[in-house]
Amino acid sequence: MPIVAVFAGGTSAERDVSLGSGRASAVALARSFPTRLFELSTNAIPPGIDPARHVVFSTLHGTFGEDGGMQRLLDAAGIHYAGCDAESSALTMNKTRTKEAAEARGVQVVPGLGFDGREKPTTDTIFAQLGESLVLKPNNEGSSVGLSLVSTRAELEDQLRGISSGSWLVEKRIIGRELSVGVLGGKAMGVVEIRPKSGVYDFTSKYTKGLTEYFAPAPLESPMTSAVQSAAEIAFAACGCRDYARIDFMLSTTNQLYLLEINTLPGMKETSLLPMSARCAGMDFTALVRNLVSPAIERFHSAMAAAPVRL
């Protein structure tokens, strides 16, 4: 049995969130496997990781950890790891590319406009395409880092003036219910409804106790629950995801379902959304993390069995 190396921390804006995910996951994984927690502070594989002894379970949220950077290093080193591969990680970290891939498979997405911070569209262009009620956010960050709401021309112009670099996305704001569903092995689990008391599920609402209510399972009619689960499975496959992910949607007041994004390394505390989704399917946190890492352990065993014997 390989040692499960849990990666946490990293260098992104989500470092603190990752540390919490990693510590909780390591405790739970240790109930089933030999486990060691590694707290990373550089964009590199930590010393001591051996492809013949370790399987990696990464909780590195955000830039480098979730965008394919760490996955490419692990692939190059011949190290097996849980979760999406480098290609699908890079794709899903880019919200615009994610929506393009899912939309091509028939999943409805939030209308939006991607742009480079050095070549910003005019307010007239944005309003003409998307209307005046908007959401502006980085195209490749998680945890709602940098998200802001815009409802007037002056607000949009002020936000755009503050942008000078990076990849950005402005979307039509959909008023309705925010939903999240975990996908494990290509199959959707329970649907969770998120109700931030402020009306906006931003970084503060996500990580400040008491500012958001969660309903697991979401109080939806059975056909809508099935529609959300089906859309999640299609989006997962369309983006080439592997093992597991969390898929987020908006359900408008007119019952139109829109894909928001795919999170390939979502929050992994016991109170996080993916574990909530799993509990709806009768799976506790210990069972969930065991199931998340098991495919990587199977890949490790297959590779070891196929490796030539050295005399």
C-alpha atoms as a PDB file:
ATOM      1  CA  MET A   1       0.000   0.000   0.000  1.00  0.00           C
ATOM      2  CA  PRO A   2       1.484   3.382  -0.988  1.00  0.00           C
ATOM      3  CA  ILE A   3       1.694   6.315   1.408  1.00  0.00           C
ATOM      4  CA  VAL A   4      -0.887   8.994   0.635  1.00  0.00           C
ATOM      5  CA  ALA A   5       0.944  12.327   0.497  1.00  0.00           C
ATOM      6  CA  VAL A   6      -1.537  15.136   1.171  1.00  0.00           C
ATOM      7  CA  PHE A   7      -0.420  18.443  -0.363  1.00  0.00           C
ATOM      8  CA  ALA A   8      -1.719  21.626   1.288  1.00  0.00           C
ATOM      9  CA  GLY A   9      -0.880  25.319   1.410  1.00  0.00           C
ATOM     10  CA  GLY A  10       0.807  26.463  -1.772  1.00  0.00           C
ATOM     11  CA  THR A  11       1.433  29.983  -3.002  1.00  0.00           C
ATOM     12  CA  SER A  12      -1.981  31.142  -4.252  1.00  0.00           C
ATOM     13  CA  ALA A  13      -4.458  33.576  -2.721  1.00  0.00           C
ATOM     14  CA  GLU A  14      -6.288  30.498  -1.394  1.00  0.00           C
ATOM     15  CA  ARG A  15      -3.371  29.226   0.719  1.00  0.00           C
ATOM     16  CA  ASP A  16      -5.186  29.441   4.057  1.00  0.00           C
ATOM     17  CA  VAL A  17      -8.245  27.665   2.656  1.00  0.00           C
ATOM     18  CA  SER A  18      -5.971  24.935   1.298  1.00  0.00           C
ATOM     19  CA  LEU A  19      -4.272  24.431   4.653  1.00  0.00           C
ATOM     20  CA  GLY A  20      -7.638  23.780   6.267  1.00  0.00           C
ATOM     21  CA  SER A  21      -8.620  21.357   3.513  1.00  0.00           C
ATOM     22  CA  GLY A  22      -5.327  19.500   3.711  1.00  0.00           C
ATOM     23  CA  ARG A  23      -5.339  19.051   7.462  1.00  0.00           C
ATOM     24  CA  ALA A  24      -8.920  17.789   7.551  1.00  0.00           C
ATOM     25  CA  SER A  25      -8.315  15.419   4.631  1.00  0.00           C
ATOM     26  CA  ALA A  26      -5.091  14.041   6.127  1.00  0.00           C
ATOM     27  CA  VAL A  27      -6.831  13.171   9.398  1.00  0.00           C
ATOM     28  CA  ALA A  28      -9.633  11.382   7.549  1.00  0.00           C
ATOM     29  CA  LEU A  29      -7.342   9.587   5.078  1.00  0.00           C
ATOM     30  CA  ALA A  30      -5.168   8.299   7.924  1.00  0.00           C
ATOM     31  CA  ARG A  31      -8.125   6.164   9.023  1.00  0.00           C
ATOM     32  CA  SER A  32      -7.796   4.132   5.809  1.00  0.00           C
ATOM     33  CA  PHE A  33      -4.245   4.545   4.467  1.00  0.00           C
ATOM     34  CA  PRO A  34      -0.703   5.350   5.572  1.00  0.00           C
ATOM     35  CA  THR A  35      -0.810   9.136   5.262  1.00  0.00           C
ATOM     36  CA  ARG A  36       1.543  12.097   5.532  1.00  0.00           C
ATOM     37  CA  LEU A  37       0.685  15.791   5.301  1.00  0.00           C
ATOM     38  CA  PHE A  38       3.007  18.114   3.344  1.00  0.00           C
ATOM     39  CA  GLU A  39       2.512  21.882   3.750  1.00  0.00           C
ATOM     40  CA  LEU A  40       3.938  23.515   0.623  1.00  0.00           C
ATOM     41  CA  SER A  41       5.249  27.071   0.356  1.00  0.00           C
ATOM     42  CA  THR A  42       6.841  26.877  -3.108  1.00  0.00           C
ATOM     43  CA  ASN A  43       5.684  25.801  -6.556  1.00  0.00           C
ATOM     44  CA  ALA A  44       7.578  22.527  -6.419  1.00  0.00           C
ATOM     45  CA  ILE A  45       7.130  18.908  -5.405  1.00  0.00           C
ATOM     46  CA  PRO A  46       8.324  18.671  -1.784  1.00  0.00           C
ATOM     47  CA  PRO A  47      11.485  16.661  -1.065  1.00  0.00           C
ATOM     48  CA  GLY A  48      10.994  13.019  -0.191  1.00  0.00           C
ATOM     49  CA  ILE A  49       8.124  12.233  -2.563  1.00  0.00           C
ATOM     50  CA  ASP A  50       8.959   8.916  -4.227  1.00  0.00           C
ATOM     51  CA  PRO A  51       6.913   7.646  -7.222  1.00  0.00           C
ATOM     52  CA  ALA A  52       7.477   4.078  -5.977  1.00  0.00           C
ATOM     53  CA  ARG A  53       6.150   4.831  -2.492  1.00  0.00           C
ATOM     54  CA  HIS A  54       3.701   7.743  -2.652  1.00  0.00           C
ATOM     55  CA  VAL A  55       0.348   8.656  -4.169  1.00  0.00           C
ATOM     56  CA  VAL A  56      -0.528  12.359  -3.970  1.00  0.00           C
ATOM     57  CA  PHE A  57      -3.855  13.738  -2.756  1.00  0.00           C
ATOM     58  CA  SER A  58      -3.638  17.451  -3.457  1.00  0.00           C
ATOM     59  CA  THR A  59      -5.736  20.138  -1.791  1.00  0.00           C
ATOM     60  CA  LEU A  60      -3.769  22.986  -3.393  1.00  0.00           C
ATOM     61  CA  HIS A  61      -6.529  25.386  -4.389  1.00  0.00           C
ATOM     62  CA  GLY A  62      -6.091  28.149  -6.931  1.00  0.00           C
ATOM     63  CA  THR A  63      -3.133  29.165  -9.073  1.00  0.00           C
ATOM     64  CA  PHE A  64      -0.494  26.490  -9.753  1.00  0.00           C
ATOM     65  CA  GLY A  65      -2.214  23.916  -7.545  1.00  0.00           C
ATOM     66  CA  GLU A  66      -5.468  23.713  -9.486  1.00  0.00           C
ATOM     67  CA  ASP A  67      -4.522  25.016 -12.937  1.00  0.00           C
ATOM     68  CA  GLY A  68      -2.376  22.098 -14.084  1.00  0.00           C
ATOM     69  CA  GLY A  69       0.948  23.436 -12.798  1.00  0.00           C
ATOM     70  CA  MET A  70       1.469  20.906 -10.017  1.00  0.00           C
ATOM     71  CA  GLN A  71      -0.125  18.170 -12.107  1.00  0.00           C
ATOM     72  CA  ARG A  72       2.438  18.693 -14.869  1.00  0.00           C
ATOM     73  CA  LEU A  73       5.266  18.392 -12.328  1.00  0.00           C
ATOM     74  CA  LEU A  74       3.791  15.184 -10.928  1.00  0.00           C
ATOM     75  CA  ASP A  75       3.345  13.705 -14.409  1.00  0.00           C
ATOM     76  CA  ALA A  76       6.933  14.528 -15.327  1.00  0.00           C
ATOM     77  CA  ALA A  77       8.160  12.852 -12.137  1.00  0.00           C
ATOM     78  CA  GLY A  78       6.029   9.735 -12.719  1.00  0.00           C
ATOM     79  CA  ILE A  79       4.025  10.313  -9.533  1.00  0.00           C
ATOM     80  CA  HIS A  80       0.411   9.149  -9.398  1.00  0.00           C
ATOM     81  CA  TYR A  81      -2.160  11.554  -7.990  1.00  0.00           C
ATOM     82  CA  ALA A  82      -5.881  11.802  -7.339  1.00  0.00           C
ATOM     83  CA  GLY A  83      -8.123  14.086  -9.339  1.00  0.00           C
ATOM     84  CA  CYS A  84      -8.065  15.642 -12.772  1.00  0.00           C
ATOM     85  CA  ASP A  85      -5.003  15.450 -14.982  1.00  0.00           C
ATOM     86  CA  ALA A  86      -2.976  18.465 -16.092  1.00  0.00           C
ATOM     87  CA  GLU A  87      -4.953  19.113 -19.267  1.00  0.00           C
ATOM     88  CA  SER A  88      -8.412  19.110 -17.713  1.00  0.00           C
ATOM     89  CA  SER A  89      -7.141  21.046 -14.676  1.00  0.00           C
ATOM     90  CA  ALA A  90      -5.857  23.816 -16.945  1.00  0.00           C
ATOM     91  CA  LEU A  91      -9.091  23.863 -18.917  1.00  0.00           C
ATOM     92  CA  THR A  92     -11.426  24.032 -15.927  1.00  0.00           C
ATOM     93  CA  MET A  93      -9.373  26.702 -14.151  1.00  0.00           C
ATOM     94  CA  ASN A  94     -10.210  28.911 -17.133  1.00  0.00           C
ATOM     95  CA  LYS A  95     -13.885  29.735 -16.678  1.00  0.00           C
ATOM     96  CA  THR A  96     -14.321  30.842 -20.297  1.00  0.00           C
ATOM     97  CA  ARG A  97     -12.874  27.620 -21.742  1.00  0.00           C
ATOM     98  CA  THR A  98     -14.942  25.572 -19.291  1.00  0.00           C
ATOM     99  CA  LYS A  99     -18.144  27.207 -20.454  1.00  0.00           C
ATOM    100  CA  GLU A 100     -17.201  26.767 -24.122  1.00  0.00           C
ATOM    101  CA  ALA A 101     -16.557  23.040 -23.647  1.00  0.00           C
ATOM    102  CA  ALA A 102     -19.767  22.477 -21.691  1.00  0.00           C
ATOM    103  CA  GLU A 103     -21.906  24.576 -24.015  1.00  0.00           C
ATOM    104  CA  ALA A 104     -20.673  22.532 -26.977  1.00  0.00           C
ATOM    105  CA  ARG A 105     -22.218  19.490 -25.258  1.00  0.00           C
ATOM    106  CA  GLY A 106     -25.562  21.205 -24.709  1.00  0.00           C
ATOM    107  CA  VAL A 107     -25.144  22.596 -21.176  1.00  0.00           C
ATOM    108  CA  GLN A 108     -26.543  26.123 -20.814  1.00  0.00           C
ATOM    109  CA  VAL A 109     -23.961  28.597 -19.484  1.00  0.00           C
ATOM    110  CA  VAL A 110     -24.081  32.109 -18.069  1.00  0.00           C
ATOM    111  CA  PRO A 111     -23.634  34.628 -20.918  1.00  0.00           C
ATOM    112  CA  GLY A 112     -20.290  36.357 -20.537  1.00  0.00           C
ATOM    113  CA  LEU A 113     -17.352  38.112 -22.132  1.00  0.00           C
ATOM    114  CA  GLY A 114     -13.730  37.215 -21.442  1.00  0.00           C
ATOM    115  CA  PHE A 115     -10.987  39.784 -21.835  1.00  0.00           C
ATOM    116  CA  ASP A 116      -7.330  40.539 -21.166  1.00  0.00           C
ATOM    117  CA  GLY A 117      -6.707  43.194 -18.535  1.00  0.00           C
ATOM    118  CA  ARG A 118      -4.442  45.042 -20.990  1.00  0.00           C
ATOM    119  CA  GLU A 119      -7.142  45.182 -23.709  1.00  0.00           C
ATOM    120  CA  LYS A 120     -10.385  45.943 -21.928  1.00  0.00           C
ATOM    121  CA  PRO A 121     -13.719  46.183 -23.764  1.00  0.00           C
ATOM    122  CA  THR A 122     -15.649  49.420 -23.521  1.00  0.00           C
ATOM    123  CA  THR A 123     -18.585  49.787 -21.184  1.00  0.00           C
ATOM    124  CA  ASP A 124     -20.818  50.274 -24.250  1.00  0.00           C
ATOM    125  CA  THR A 125     -19.699  46.916 -25.654  1.00  0.00           C
ATOM    126  CA  ILE A 126     -20.304  45.129 -22.365  1.00  0.00           C
ATOM    127  CA  PHE A 127     -23.709  46.677 -21.743  1.00  0.00           C
ATOM    128  CA  ALA A 128     -24.814  45.989 -25.327  1.00  0.00           C
ATOM    129  CA  GLN A 129     -23.964  42.285 -25.007  1.00  0.00           C
ATOM    130  CA  LEU A 130     -24.854  41.541 -21.406  1.00  0.00           C
ATOM    131  CA  GLY A 131     -27.074  44.269 -19.989  1.00  0.00           C
ATOM    132  CA  GLU A 132     -26.322  46.419 -16.954  1.00  0.00           C
ATOM    133  CA  SER A 133     -26.574  43.894 -14.088  1.00  0.00           C
ATOM    134  CA  LEU A 134     -23.178  42.194 -14.151  1.00  0.00           C
ATOM    135  CA  VAL A 135     -20.658  40.056 -12.283  1.00  0.00           C
ATOM    136  CA  LEU A 136     -16.965  40.844 -12.815  1.00  0.00           C
ATOM    137  CA  LYS A 137     -14.338  38.304 -11.706  1.00  0.00           C
ATOM    138  CA  PRO A 138     -10.913  36.907 -12.551  1.00  0.00           C
ATOM    139  CA  ASN A 139     -11.116  34.215 -15.220  1.00  0.00           C
ATOM    140  CA  ASN A 140      -8.763  31.855 -13.402  1.00  0.00           C
ATOM    141  CA  GLU A 141      -9.204  32.190  -9.626  1.00  0.00           C
ATOM    142  CA  GLY A 142     -11.292  30.182  -7.182  1.00  0.00           C
ATOM    143  CA  SER A 143     -13.065  30.876  -3.872  1.00  0.00           C
ATOM    144  CA  SER A 144     -14.704  33.961  -5.472  1.00  0.00           C
ATOM    145  CA  VAL A 145     -11.388  35.835  -5.174  1.00  0.00           C
ATOM    146  CA  GLY A 146     -11.757  39.256  -6.831  1.00  0.00           C
ATOM    147  CA  LEU A 147     -15.490  38.919  -7.520  1.00  0.00           C
ATOM    148  CA  SER A 148     -17.533  42.128  -7.692  1.00  0.00           C
ATOM    149  CA  LEU A 149     -21.069  43.100  -8.696  1.00  0.00           C
ATOM    150  CA  VAL A 150     -21.835  45.934 -11.083  1.00  0.00           C
ATOM    151  CA  SER A 151     -25.194  47.598 -11.722  1.00  0.00           C
ATOM    152  CA  THR A 152     -24.349  51.048 -13.160  1.00  0.00           C
ATOM    153  CA  ARG A 153     -22.092  52.469 -15.834  1.00  0.00           C
ATOM    154  CA  ALA A 154     -20.094  54.391 -13.225  1.00  0.00           C
ATOM    155  CA  GLU A 155     -19.472  51.227 -11.197  1.00  0.00           C
ATOM    156  CA  LEU A 156     -18.325  49.299 -14.268  1.00  0.00           C
ATOM    157  CA  GLU A 157     -15.994  52.088 -15.385  1.00  0.00           C
ATOM    158  CA  ASP A 158     -14.522  52.286 -11.878  1.00  0.00           C
ATOM    159  CA  GLN A 159     -13.907  48.525 -11.772  1.00  0.00           C
ATOM    160  CA  LEU A 160     -12.345  48.478 -15.241  1.00  0.00           C
ATOM    161  CA  ARG A 161      -9.978  51.320 -14.322  1.00  0.00           C
ATOM    162  CA  GLY A 162      -8.579  49.150 -11.559  1.00  0.00           C
ATOM    163  CA  ILE A 163      -7.711  46.324 -13.974  1.00  0.00           C
ATOM    164  CA  SER A 164      -4.405  46.481 -15.845  1.00  0.00           C
ATOM    165  CA  SER A 165      -3.405  42.836 -16.300  1.00  0.00           C
ATOM    166  CA  GLY A 166      -4.596  39.260 -16.061  1.00  0.00           C
ATOM    167  CA  SER A 167      -7.463  37.331 -17.582  1.00  0.00           C
ATOM    168  CA  TRP A 168     -10.951  38.527 -16.640  1.00  0.00           C
ATOM    169  CA  LEU A 169     -14.571  37.592 -17.167  1.00  0.00           C
ATOM    170  CA  VAL A 170     -17.672  39.753 -17.037  1.00  0.00           C
ATOM    171  CA  GLU A 171     -20.989  37.899 -16.964  1.00  0.00           C
ATOM    172  CA  LYS A 172     -24.670  38.686 -17.000  1.00  0.00           C
ATOM    173  CA  ARG A 173     -25.875  38.469 -13.419  1.00  0.00           C
ATOM    174  CA  ILE A 174     -28.403  35.673 -13.000  1.00  0.00           C
ATOM    175  CA  ILE A 175     -30.834  36.222 -10.141  1.00  0.00           C
ATOM    176  CA  GLY A 176     -31.947  33.007  -8.532  1.00  0.00           C
ATOM    177  CA  ARG A 177     -30.681  30.068  -6.523  1.00  0.00           C
ATOM    178  CA  GLU A 178     -27.064  28.925  -6.375  1.00  0.00           C
ATOM    179  CA  LEU A 179     -26.566  25.163  -6.510  1.00  0.00           C
ATOM    180  CA  SER A 180     -23.565  22.877  -6.213  1.00  0.00           C
ATOM    181  CA  VAL A 181     -23.172  19.164  -6.880  1.00  0.00           C
ATOM    182  CA  GLY A 182     -20.255  16.813  -6.416  1.00  0.00           C
ATOM    183  CA  VAL A 183     -19.312  14.347  -9.129  1.00  0.00           C
ATOM    184  CA  LEU A 184     -17.487  11.150  -8.170  1.00  0.00           C
ATOM    185  CA  GLY A 185     -16.296   8.754 -10.861  1.00  0.00           C
ATOM    186  CA  GLY A 186     -18.462  10.546 -13.425  1.00  0.00           C
ATOM    187  CA  LYS A 187     -21.664  10.206 -11.366  1.00  0.00           C
ATOM    188  CA  ALA A 188     -23.360  13.141  -9.667  1.00  0.00           C
ATOM    189  CA  MET A 189     -24.090  12.994  -5.943  1.00  0.00           C
ATOM    190  CA  GLY A 190     -26.522  15.182  -3.991  1.00  0.00           C
ATOM    191  CA  VAL A 191     -27.421  18.753  -4.952  1.00  0.00           C
ATOM    192  CA  VAL A 192     -26.682  21.444  -2.348  1.00  0.00           C
ATOM    193  CA  GLU A 193     -28.343  24.860  -2.286  1.00  0.00           C
ATOM    194  CA  ILE A 194     -26.309  27.869  -1.115  1.00  0.00           C
ATOM    195  CA  ARG A 195     -28.121  30.870   0.391  1.00  0.00           C
ATOM    196  CA  PRO A 196     -25.764  33.713   1.367  1.00  0.00           C
ATOM    197  CA  LYS A 197     -27.481  36.155   3.701  1.00  0.00           C
ATOM    198  CA  SER A 198     -25.923  39.074   1.798  1.00  0.00           C
ATOM    199  CA  GLY A 199     -27.336  37.777  -1.480  1.00  0.00           C
ATOM    200  CA  VAL A 200     -23.822  37.321  -2.887  1.00  0.00           C
ATOM    201  CA  TYR A 201     -21.712  34.197  -2.371  1.00  0.00           C
ATOM    202  CA  ASP A 202     -18.362  36.000  -2.292  1.00  0.00           C
ATOM    203  CA  PHE A 203     -15.168  35.168  -0.375  1.00  0.00           C
ATOM    204  CA  THR A 204     -16.514  36.668   2.862  1.00  0.00           C
ATOM    205  CA  SER A 205     -19.816  34.789   2.648  1.00  0.00           C
ATOM    206  CA  LYS A 206     -17.976  31.534   1.935  1.00  0.00           C
ATOM    207  CA  TYR A 207     -15.520  31.661   4.808  1.00  0.00           C
ATOM    208  CA  THR A 208     -17.249  33.629   7.575  1.00  0.00           C
ATOM    209  CA  LYS A 209     -19.289  31.439   9.884  1.00  0.00           C
ATOM    210  CA  GLY A 210     -22.976  32.243   9.961  1.00  0.00           C
ATOM    211  CA  LEU A 211     -23.127  34.343   6.782  1.00  0.00           C
ATOM    212  CA  THR A 212     -24.453  31.579   4.535  1.00  0.00           C
ATOM    213  CA  GLU A 213     -27.098  28.886   4.893  1.00  0.00           C
ATOM    214  CA  TYR A 214     -26.714  25.517   3.167  1.00  0.00           C
ATOM    215  CA  PHE A 215     -29.480  23.073   2.307  1.00  0.00           C
ATOM    216  CA  ALA A 216     -28.366  19.526   1.620  1.00  0.00           C
ATOM    217  CA  PRO A 217     -30.197  18.154  -0.219  1.00  0.00           C
ATOM    218  CA  ALA A 218     -31.489  21.248  -1.987  1.00  0.00           C
ATOM    219  CA  PRO A 219     -35.282  21.639  -1.747  1.00  0.00           C
ATOM    220  CA  LEU A 220     -35.955  21.043  -5.446  1.00  0.00           C
ATOM    221  CA  GLU A 221     -38.588  19.084  -7.322  1.00  0.00           C
ATOM    222  CA  SER A 222     -37.287  15.674  -8.400  1.00  0.00           C
ATOM    223  CA  PRO A 223     -37.135  16.528 -12.144  1.00  0.00           C
ATOM    224  CA  MET A 224     -35.004  19.615 -11.437  1.00  0.00           C
ATOM    225  CA  THR A 225     -32.669  17.647  -9.159  1.00  0.00           C
ATOM    226  CA  SER A 226     -32.202  15.131 -11.967  1.00  0.00           C
ATOM    227  CA  ALA A 227     -31.598  17.940 -14.478  1.00  0.00           C
ATOM    228  CA  VAL A 228     -28.862  19.464 -12.296  1.00  0.00           C
ATOM    229  CA  GLN A 229     -27.193  16.083 -11.818  1.00  0.00           C
ATOM    230  CA  SER A 230     -27.357  15.308 -15.535  1.00  0.00           C
ATOM    231  CA  ALA A 231     -25.880  18.704 -16.473  1.00  0.00           C
ATOM    232  CA  ALA A 232     -23.086  18.186 -13.951  1.00  0.00           C
ATOM    233  CA  GLU A 233     -22.187  14.792 -15.396  1.00  0.00           C
ATOM    234  CA  ILE A 234     -22.189  16.167 -18.948  1.00  0.00           C
ATOM    235  CA  ALA A 235     -19.982  19.142 -17.982  1.00  0.00           C
ATOM    236  CA  PHE A 236     -17.600  16.812 -16.106  1.00  0.00           C
ATOM    237  CA  ALA A 237     -17.194  14.618 -19.187  1.00  0.00           C
ATOM    238  CA  ALA A 238     -17.031  17.554 -21.619  1.00  0.00           C
ATOM    239  CA  CYS A 239     -14.022  18.983 -19.788  1.00  0.00           C
ATOM    240  CA  GLY A 240     -12.213  15.643 -19.569  1.00  0.00           C
ATOM    241  CA  CYS A 241     -12.402  15.524 -15.790  1.00  0.00           C
ATOM    242  CA  ARG A 242     -11.119  12.501 -13.877  1.00  0.00           C
ATOM    243  CA  ASP A 243     -12.004  10.974 -10.489  1.00  0.00           C
ATOM    244  CA  TYR A 244     -13.966  13.860  -8.943  1.00  0.00           C
ATOM    245  CA  ALA A 245     -14.958  17.536  -9.120  1.00  0.00           C
ATOM    246  CA  ARG A 246     -17.581  19.961  -7.846  1.00  0.00           C
ATOM    247  CA  ILE A 247     -19.886  21.658 -10.368  1.00  0.00           C
ATOM    248  CA  ASP A 248     -21.654  24.956  -9.598  1.00  0.00           C
ATOM    249  CA  PHE A 249     -24.849  26.273 -11.188  1.00  0.00           C
ATOM    250  CA  MET A 250     -27.350  29.108 -10.996  1.00  0.00           C
ATOM    251  CA  LEU A 251     -31.072  28.348 -11.230  1.00  0.00           C
ATOM    252  CA  SER A 252     -32.850  31.487 -12.381  1.00  0.00           C
ATOM    253  CA  THR A 253     -36.208  32.710 -11.139  1.00  0.00           C
ATOM    254  CA  THR A 254     -37.641  31.377 -14.431  1.00  0.00           C
ATOM    255  CA  ASN A 255     -36.213  27.882 -13.727  1.00  0.00           C
ATOM    256  CA  GLN A 256     -33.416  28.155 -16.285  1.00  0.00           C
ATOM    257  CA  LEU A 257     -30.283  26.270 -15.218  1.00  0.00           C
ATOM    258  CA  TYR A 258     -26.885  27.870 -15.970  1.00  0.00           C
ATOM    259  CA  LEU A 259     -23.422  26.415 -15.442  1.00  0.00           C
ATOM    260  CA  LEU A 260     -21.127  28.702 -13.438  1.00  0.00           C
ATOM    261  CA  GLU A 261     -17.873  26.753 -13.126  1.00  0.00           C
ATOM    262  CA  ILE A 262     -16.130  23.481 -12.337  1.00  0.00           C
ATOM    263  CA  ASN A 263     -13.889  23.127  -9.285  1.00  0.00           C
ATOM    264  CA  THR A 264     -11.437  20.243  -9.715  1.00  0.00           C
ATOM    265  CA  LEU A 265      -9.852  20.638  -6.250  1.00  0.00           C
ATOM    266  CA  PRO A 266     -12.730  21.988  -4.152  1.00  0.00           C
ATOM    267  CA  GLY A 267     -12.703  22.785  -0.455  1.00  0.00           C
ATOM    268  CA  MET A 268     -12.236  19.651   1.617  1.00  0.00           C
ATOM    269  CA  LYS A 269     -13.202  20.367   5.196  1.00  0.00           C
ATOM    270  CA  GLU A 270     -16.031  18.249   6.587  1.00  0.00           C
ATOM    271  CA  THR A 271     -18.324  21.286   6.228  1.00  0.00           C
ATOM    272  CA  SER A 272     -17.322  22.031   2.611  1.00  0.00           C
ATOM    273  CA  LEU A 273     -19.689  21.711  -0.327  1.00  0.00           C
ATOM    274  CA  LEU A 274     -18.309  18.485  -1.820  1.00  0.00           C
ATOM    275  CA  PRO A 275     -18.619  16.619   1.502  1.00  0.00           C
ATOM    276  CA  MET A 276     -22.155  18.043   1.874  1.00  0.00           C
ATOM    277  CA  SER A 277     -23.024  16.667  -1.552  1.00  0.00           C
ATOM    278  CA  ALA A 278     -21.561  13.273  -0.597  1.00  0.00           C
ATOM    279  CA  ARG A 279     -23.538  13.142   2.651  1.00  0.00           C
ATOM    280  CA  CYS A 280     -26.733  13.513   0.600  1.00  0.00           C
ATOM    281  CA  ALA A 281     -25.696  10.251  -1.063  1.00  0.00           C
ATOM    282  CA  GLY A 282     -25.071   8.574   2.316  1.00  0.00           C
ATOM    283  CA  MET A 283     -21.289   8.960   2.303  1.00  0.00           C
ATOM    284  CA  ASP A 284     -19.514  10.408   5.359  1.00  0.00           C
ATOM    285  CA  PHE A 285     -16.269  12.387   5.164  1.00  0.00           C
ATOM    286  CA  THR A 286     -13.990   9.415   5.849  1.00  0.00           C
ATOM    287  CA  ALA A 287     -15.670   7.334   3.150  1.00  0.00           C
ATOM    288  CA  LEU A 288     -15.579  10.268   0.735  1.00  0.00           C
ATOM    289  CA  VAL A 289     -11.839  10.917   0.959  1.00  0.00           C
ATOM    290  CA  ARG A 290     -11.186   7.187   0.712  1.00  0.00           C
ATOM    291  CA  ASN A 291     -13.213   7.085  -2.511  1.00  0.00           C
ATOM    292  CA  LEU A 292     -11.524  10.219  -3.864  1.00  0.00           C
ATOM    293  CA  VAL A 293      -8.016   8.769  -3.587  1.00  0.00           C
ATOM    294  CA  SER A 294      -8.817   5.127  -4.415  1.00  0.00           C
ATOM    295  CA  PRO A 295      -8.618   5.506  -8.236  1.00  0.00           C
ATOM    296  CA  ALA A 296      -5.111   6.975  -7.906  1.00  0.00           C
ATOM    297  CA  ILE A 297      -4.064   4.060  -5.711  1.00  0.00           C
ATOM    298  CA  GLU A 298      -5.444   1.680  -8.343  1.00  0.00           C
ATOM    299  CA  ARG A 299      -3.399   3.469 -11.027  1.00  0.00           C
ATOM    300  CA  PHE A 300      -0.337   3.203  -8.777  1.00  0.00           C
ATOM    301  CA  HIS A 301      -0.843  -0.559  -8.298  1.00  0.00           C
ATOM    302  CA  SER A 302      -1.377  -1.113 -12.038  1.00  0.00           C
ATOM    303  CA  ALA A 303       1.822   0.771 -12.852  1.00  0.00           C
ATOM    304  CA  MET A 304       3.804  -1.135 -10.241  1.00  0.00           C
ATOM    305  CA  ALA A 305       2.487  -4.472 -11.541  1.00  0.00           C
ATOM    306  CA  ALA A 306       3.458  -3.541 -15.093  1.00  0.00           C
ATOM    307  CA  ALA A 307       6.926  -2.286 -14.166  1.00  0.00           C
ATOM    308  CA  PRO A 308       9.823  -4.562 -15.175  1.00  0.00           C
ATOM    309  CA  VAL A 309      11.478  -6.508 -12.374  1.00  0.00           C
ATOM    310  CA  ARG A 310      15.023  -5.286 -11.675  1.00  0.00           C
ATOM    311  CA  LEU A 311      17.560  -8.000 -10.971  1.00  0.00           C
END
